Amino acid sequence: MSDLLFTGERLHKENPLFAIDLVRHRAAYIRAIELARSAGAQRVLDLGCGTGYGTGELAAVLPMTYAVDRISPDPGARHPAAHFIRADAAHLPLRAESFDMIVSFQVIEHLENPAPYLNSITRLLKPGGTALITTPNLLESDRENPFHVHEYEAAELAALLGDYFSQVDMLGVCATAEPKAYYDARLKRIQSIVRIDPLGLRRRLPRWIIDGLFAAFAVQVRRGIQKSDGLPEVDLEDFPILPAQPDCLDLFAVCQNPHRENGA
């Protein structure tokens, strides 16, 4: 088991209630591997790797994989070919223009000011390199995650990234019918819970209480669906990555031709 604090937001491989979410996010890593291979990428950085489950995917098949986060990865995610570094995404102790690809999944929504983070990405990319950025699609979000300070619609994210890259292609992590029905049911349950607090008083509680409630309800909602409907069995094919559309679960931006040290 992981020694990391369970927050309801980080994904731990051993928790079956979050298995569908893990497959959803693994789909982005598998696409990253496909793009890295097609481009002949040698050095790849997983920026904001979290518990490290995706870094293991990358390191298992790519020549050289580095990973950065403020926390240490789950012990079981420590692939022997991966190089883990503890650091802040905005202040990285890494050489400029040293990576062919930077993967940064489910990070930007945590940042009040994404400029230092995006400047770090553009600084570290080699000329001709590619950055892959994912984030929840605001249009499909429950908007209750206290760890997310800003969630994006596709057009807004494209406009922001356009200040840092000359080419931004907006894709989305979508879902087939069964997992989409699960996520719709989950959203409905969350909305029914927060309806008892129409004035939003929950947002005025001390932060440690907010975080604890979020973790507890993340489990409660999933257990409720498991008990009433069962959890769907999914695989990577259930989360195709297609051109961005309003009902995609996550936005997936493919960014190329970086501008160096944008002052935005």
Protein backbone atom coordinates (compact mmCIF):
# COMPACT_ATOMS: atom_id res chain seq x y z
CA MET A 1 0.00 0.00 0.00
CA SER A 2 1.05 3.58 -0.58
CA ASP A 3 2.41 5.73 2.24
CA LEU A 4 1.03 8.82 0.52
CA LEU A 5 -1.95 10.56 2.11
CA PHE A 6 -5.21 9.58 0.45
CA THR A 7 -6.79 12.80 -0.82
CA GLY A 8 -9.46 11.53 -3.20
CA GLU A 9 -7.61 13.42 -5.93
CA ARG A 10 -4.38 11.46 -6.40
CA LEU A 11 -4.76 8.10 -8.11
CA HIS A 12 -3.38 5.06 -6.29
CA LYS A 13 -3.23 1.87 -8.35
CA GLU A 14 -4.32 -0.39 -5.49
CA ASN A 15 -7.71 1.28 -4.90
CA PRO A 16 -10.40 -0.49 -7.00
CA LEU A 17 -12.92 2.34 -6.55
CA PHE A 18 -10.64 4.55 -8.64
CA ALA A 19 -9.73 1.92 -11.25
CA ILE A 20 -11.85 3.51 -13.99
CA ASP A 21 -10.17 6.88 -13.39
CA LEU A 22 -6.77 5.24 -13.61
CA VAL A 23 -7.57 3.70 -17.00
CA ARG A 24 -8.91 7.07 -18.19
CA HIS A 25 -5.63 8.78 -17.32
CA ARG A 26 -3.51 5.89 -18.57
CA ALA A 27 -5.10 6.44 -21.99
CA ALA A 28 -3.33 9.80 -22.16
CA TYR A 29 0.00 8.19 -21.29
CA ILE A 30 -0.45 5.54 -23.97
CA ARG A 31 -1.07 8.28 -26.55
CA ALA A 32 2.05 10.04 -25.28
CA ILE A 33 4.06 6.87 -25.86
CA GLU A 34 2.70 6.59 -29.41
CA LEU A 35 3.59 10.20 -30.17
CA ALA A 36 7.04 9.88 -28.58
CA ARG A 37 7.83 6.79 -30.63
CA SER A 38 6.62 8.31 -33.87
CA ALA A 39 8.78 11.38 -33.24
CA GLY A 40 11.82 9.38 -32.14
CA ALA A 41 11.88 11.13 -28.75
CA GLN A 42 14.87 10.09 -26.64
CA ARG A 43 14.44 12.14 -23.46
CA VAL A 44 10.96 12.53 -21.99
CA LEU A 45 9.92 14.43 -18.86
CA ASP A 46 6.78 13.60 -16.87
CA LEU A 47 6.15 16.94 -15.17
CA GLY A 48 3.84 16.64 -12.18
CA CYS A 49 3.95 12.84 -12.13
CA GLY A 50 1.94 12.44 -8.90
CA THR A 51 2.05 8.88 -7.59
CA GLY A 52 4.13 7.88 -10.62
CA TYR A 53 1.87 5.30 -12.25
CA GLY A 54 2.18 6.99 -15.65
CA THR A 55 5.92 7.43 -15.38
CA GLY A 56 6.25 3.67 -15.16
CA GLU A 57 4.31 3.34 -18.42
CA LEU A 58 6.70 5.75 -20.14
CA ALA A 59 9.89 4.32 -18.68
CA ALA A 60 8.98 0.75 -19.63
CA VAL A 61 9.21 1.49 -23.35
CA LEU A 62 10.98 4.82 -23.95
CA PRO A 63 14.76 5.33 -23.96
CA MET A 64 15.10 7.84 -21.10
CA THR A 65 12.33 9.04 -18.77
CA TYR A 66 12.55 11.67 -16.05
CA ALA A 67 9.75 12.58 -13.64
CA VAL A 68 9.21 15.58 -11.37
CA ASP A 69 6.76 16.20 -8.54
CA ARG A 70 6.70 17.78 -5.10
CA ILE A 71 5.86 14.37 -3.61
CA SER A 72 7.67 11.06 -3.86
CA PRO A 73 6.00 8.40 -6.03
CA ASP A 74 4.31 5.28 -4.73
CA PRO A 75 7.02 2.67 -4.09
CA GLY A 76 5.34 0.31 -6.55
CA ALA A 77 5.51 2.93 -9.29
CA ARG A 78 9.29 3.31 -9.12
CA HIS A 79 10.30 1.85 -12.44
CA PRO A 80 14.05 1.13 -12.44
CA ALA A 81 14.53 2.99 -15.74
CA ALA A 82 12.85 6.19 -14.50
CA HIS A 83 14.68 9.09 -12.86
CA PHE A 84 12.52 10.76 -10.18
CA ILE A 85 13.23 14.28 -8.97
CA ARG A 86 11.42 16.13 -6.17
CA ALA A 87 10.99 19.77 -7.17
CA ASP A 88 8.43 22.48 -7.90
CA ALA A 89 7.22 22.61 -11.49
CA ALA A 90 8.00 26.33 -11.74
CA HIS A 91 11.61 25.97 -10.49
CA LEU A 92 13.13 22.93 -12.11
CA PRO A 93 16.82 22.06 -11.62
CA LEU A 94 17.15 20.86 -15.20
CA ARG A 95 19.14 22.04 -18.20
CA ALA A 96 17.38 24.20 -20.80
CA GLU A 97 16.37 22.57 -24.09
CA SER A 98 17.07 19.08 -22.79
CA PHE A 99 13.84 17.17 -23.52
CA ASP A 100 12.30 15.97 -26.75
CA MET A 101 8.88 15.66 -25.12
CA ILE A 102 7.32 16.96 -21.92
CA VAL A 103 4.23 15.23 -20.60
CA SER A 104 2.25 17.16 -17.97
CA PHE A 105 -1.06 15.56 -17.15
CA GLN A 106 -3.68 16.91 -14.73
CA VAL A 107 -1.41 19.69 -13.43
CA ILE A 108 -2.38 23.06 -14.89
CA GLU A 109 -5.78 23.13 -13.12
CA HIS A 110 -3.91 23.25 -9.79
CA LEU A 111 -2.15 26.53 -10.63
CA GLU A 112 -3.44 30.00 -9.82
CA ASN A 113 -0.81 31.48 -12.12
CA PRO A 114 0.30 29.01 -14.83
CA ALA A 115 2.90 31.35 -16.35
CA PRO A 116 5.99 30.09 -14.42
CA TYR A 117 4.98 26.49 -15.11
CA LEU A 118 4.46 27.08 -18.84
CA ASN A 119 7.69 29.06 -19.05
CA SER A 120 9.49 26.09 -17.47
CA ILE A 121 8.04 23.80 -20.13
CA THR A 122 9.08 26.05 -23.01
CA ARG A 123 12.55 26.47 -21.49
CA LEU A 124 13.13 22.73 -21.15
CA LEU A 125 11.86 21.65 -24.57
CA LYS A 126 14.39 21.08 -27.33
CA PRO A 127 13.78 22.89 -30.62
CA GLY A 128 11.21 20.78 -32.43
CA GLY A 129 10.03 19.21 -29.18
CA THR A 130 6.44 18.58 -28.13
CA ALA A 131 4.56 19.28 -24.91
CA LEU A 132 1.45 17.27 -24.04
CA ILE A 133 -0.89 18.84 -21.48
CA THR A 134 -4.12 17.40 -20.12
CA THR A 135 -6.66 18.87 -17.74
CA PRO A 136 -10.31 18.17 -16.85
CA ASN A 137 -12.87 19.58 -19.26
CA LEU A 138 -14.81 22.23 -17.35
CA LEU A 139 -17.98 21.35 -19.25
CA GLU A 140 -17.91 17.82 -17.78
CA SER A 141 -16.56 18.72 -14.34
CA ASP A 142 -18.45 18.63 -11.03
CA ARG A 143 -16.47 21.78 -10.09
CA GLU A 144 -16.13 20.56 -6.50
CA ASN A 145 -12.48 19.53 -6.36
CA PRO A 146 -10.82 21.85 -3.79
CA PHE A 147 -7.39 21.11 -5.26
CA HIS A 148 -8.40 22.62 -8.62
CA VAL A 149 -8.08 26.38 -8.62
CA HIS A 150 -8.97 26.87 -12.30
CA GLU A 151 -10.55 24.45 -14.77
CA TYR A 152 -10.71 25.15 -18.50
CA GLU A 153 -12.94 24.88 -21.52
CA ALA A 154 -11.16 23.94 -24.74
CA ALA A 155 -11.15 27.40 -26.30
CA GLU A 156 -9.79 29.04 -23.14
CA LEU A 157 -6.98 26.51 -22.77
CA ALA A 158 -6.07 26.82 -26.45
CA ALA A 159 -5.88 30.61 -26.12
CA LEU A 160 -3.65 30.37 -23.04
CA LEU A 161 -1.29 27.85 -24.59
CA GLY A 162 -1.19 29.88 -27.79
CA ASP A 163 0.77 32.52 -25.86
CA TYR A 164 3.53 29.95 -25.31
CA PHE A 165 3.45 27.80 -28.45
CA SER A 166 3.03 28.63 -32.14
CA GLN A 167 1.09 25.41 -32.73
CA VAL A 168 -1.56 24.01 -30.36
CA ASP A 169 -3.82 21.12 -31.37
CA MET A 170 -6.75 20.55 -29.03
CA LEU A 171 -7.79 16.94 -28.55
CA GLY A 172 -9.88 15.32 -25.85
CA VAL A 173 -9.97 12.12 -23.81
CA CYS A 174 -13.47 10.87 -24.62
CA ALA A 175 -15.48 7.91 -23.31
CA THR A 176 -17.54 5.15 -24.85
CA ALA A 177 -21.13 4.61 -23.74
CA GLU A 178 -20.62 2.54 -20.58
CA PRO A 179 -17.93 4.67 -18.88
CA LYS A 180 -19.70 7.85 -20.02
CA ALA A 181 -22.88 6.62 -18.30
CA TYR A 182 -20.84 5.97 -15.16
CA TYR A 183 -19.38 9.48 -15.17
CA ASP A 184 -22.81 11.00 -15.81
CA ALA A 185 -24.22 9.03 -12.86
CA ARG A 186 -21.33 10.15 -10.68
CA LEU A 187 -21.91 13.78 -11.61
CA LYS A 188 -25.60 13.43 -10.81
CA ARG A 189 -24.84 12.00 -7.36
CA ILE A 190 -22.38 14.78 -6.59
CA GLN A 191 -24.89 17.41 -7.65
CA SER A 192 -27.55 15.84 -5.41
CA ILE A 193 -25.16 16.01 -2.44
CA VAL A 194 -24.14 19.64 -2.92
CA ARG A 195 -27.77 20.63 -3.44
CA ILE A 196 -28.22 20.50 0.36
CA ASP A 197 -25.81 23.44 0.60
CA PRO A 198 -27.30 25.99 -1.85
CA LEU A 199 -25.43 28.91 -0.22
CA GLY A 200 -22.03 27.28 -0.69
CA LEU A 201 -21.23 27.35 3.02
CA ARG A 202 -18.98 24.30 2.54
CA ARG A 203 -16.48 26.52 0.75
CA ARG A 204 -16.08 28.70 3.87
CA LEU A 205 -14.96 25.86 6.12
CA PRO A 206 -11.31 25.55 7.21
CA ARG A 207 -9.25 24.06 4.40
CA TRP A 208 -8.35 20.91 6.33
CA ILE A 209 -12.05 20.15 6.77
CA ILE A 210 -12.77 20.84 3.08
CA ASP A 211 -9.99 18.48 2.02
CA GLY A 212 -11.16 15.78 4.40
CA LEU A 213 -14.75 16.05 3.23
CA PHE A 214 -13.68 15.84 -0.40
CA ALA A 215 -11.69 12.65 0.24
CA ALA A 216 -14.59 11.09 2.15
CA PHE A 217 -17.21 11.98 -0.45
CA ALA A 218 -14.97 10.80 -3.30
CA VAL A 219 -15.14 7.34 -1.76
CA GLN A 220 -18.81 7.59 -0.75
CA VAL A 221 -20.00 8.55 -4.23
CA ARG A 222 -18.07 5.74 -5.89
CA ARG A 223 -19.23 3.18 -3.34
CA GLY A 224 -22.81 4.30 -3.87
CA ILE A 225 -22.57 3.66 -7.60
CA GLN A 226 -20.80 0.36 -6.99
CA LYS A 227 -23.61 -0.77 -4.70
CA SER A 228 -26.50 0.35 -6.92
CA ASP A 229 -25.21 -0.19 -10.45
CA GLY A 230 -21.78 -1.78 -10.17
CA LEU A 231 -18.57 -0.29 -11.51
CA PRO A 232 -17.99 -0.73 -15.25
CA GLU A 233 -15.12 -2.86 -16.46
CA VAL A 234 -13.16 -0.73 -18.88
CA ASP A 235 -9.98 -0.87 -20.91
CA LEU A 236 -7.95 1.69 -22.79
CA GLU A 237 -10.17 1.45 -25.87
CA ASP A 238 -13.03 2.88 -23.78
CA PHE A 239 -11.21 6.22 -23.64
CA PRO A 240 -10.41 7.24 -27.23
CA ILE A 241 -8.50 10.45 -27.83
CA LEU A 242 -10.29 12.47 -30.49
CA PRO A 243 -10.58 16.12 -31.56
CA ALA A 244 -11.83 18.13 -28.56
CA GLN A 245 -15.59 18.15 -28.16
CA PRO A 246 -17.93 19.49 -25.45
CA ASP A 247 -18.51 16.13 -23.77
CA CYS A 248 -14.91 14.89 -23.63
CA LEU A 249 -13.77 14.12 -20.09
CA ASP A 250 -10.33 15.71 -20.34
CA LEU A 251 -8.71 18.17 -22.70
CA PHE A 252 -5.51 16.94 -24.36
CA ALA A 253 -3.33 19.66 -25.88
CA VAL A 254 -0.49 18.87 -28.26
CA CYS A 255 1.85 21.89 -28.20
CA GLN A 256 4.78 22.59 -30.51
CA ASN A 257 7.13 25.41 -31.51
CA PRO A 258 7.55 27.05 -28.07
CA HIS A 259 8.10 30.73 -27.47
CA ARG A 260 10.88 31.20 -24.93
CA GLU A 261 10.12 32.91 -21.57
CA ASN A 262 6.73 34.39 -22.32
CA GLY A 263 5.97 37.20 -19.90
CA ALA A 264 2.22 36.54 -19.75
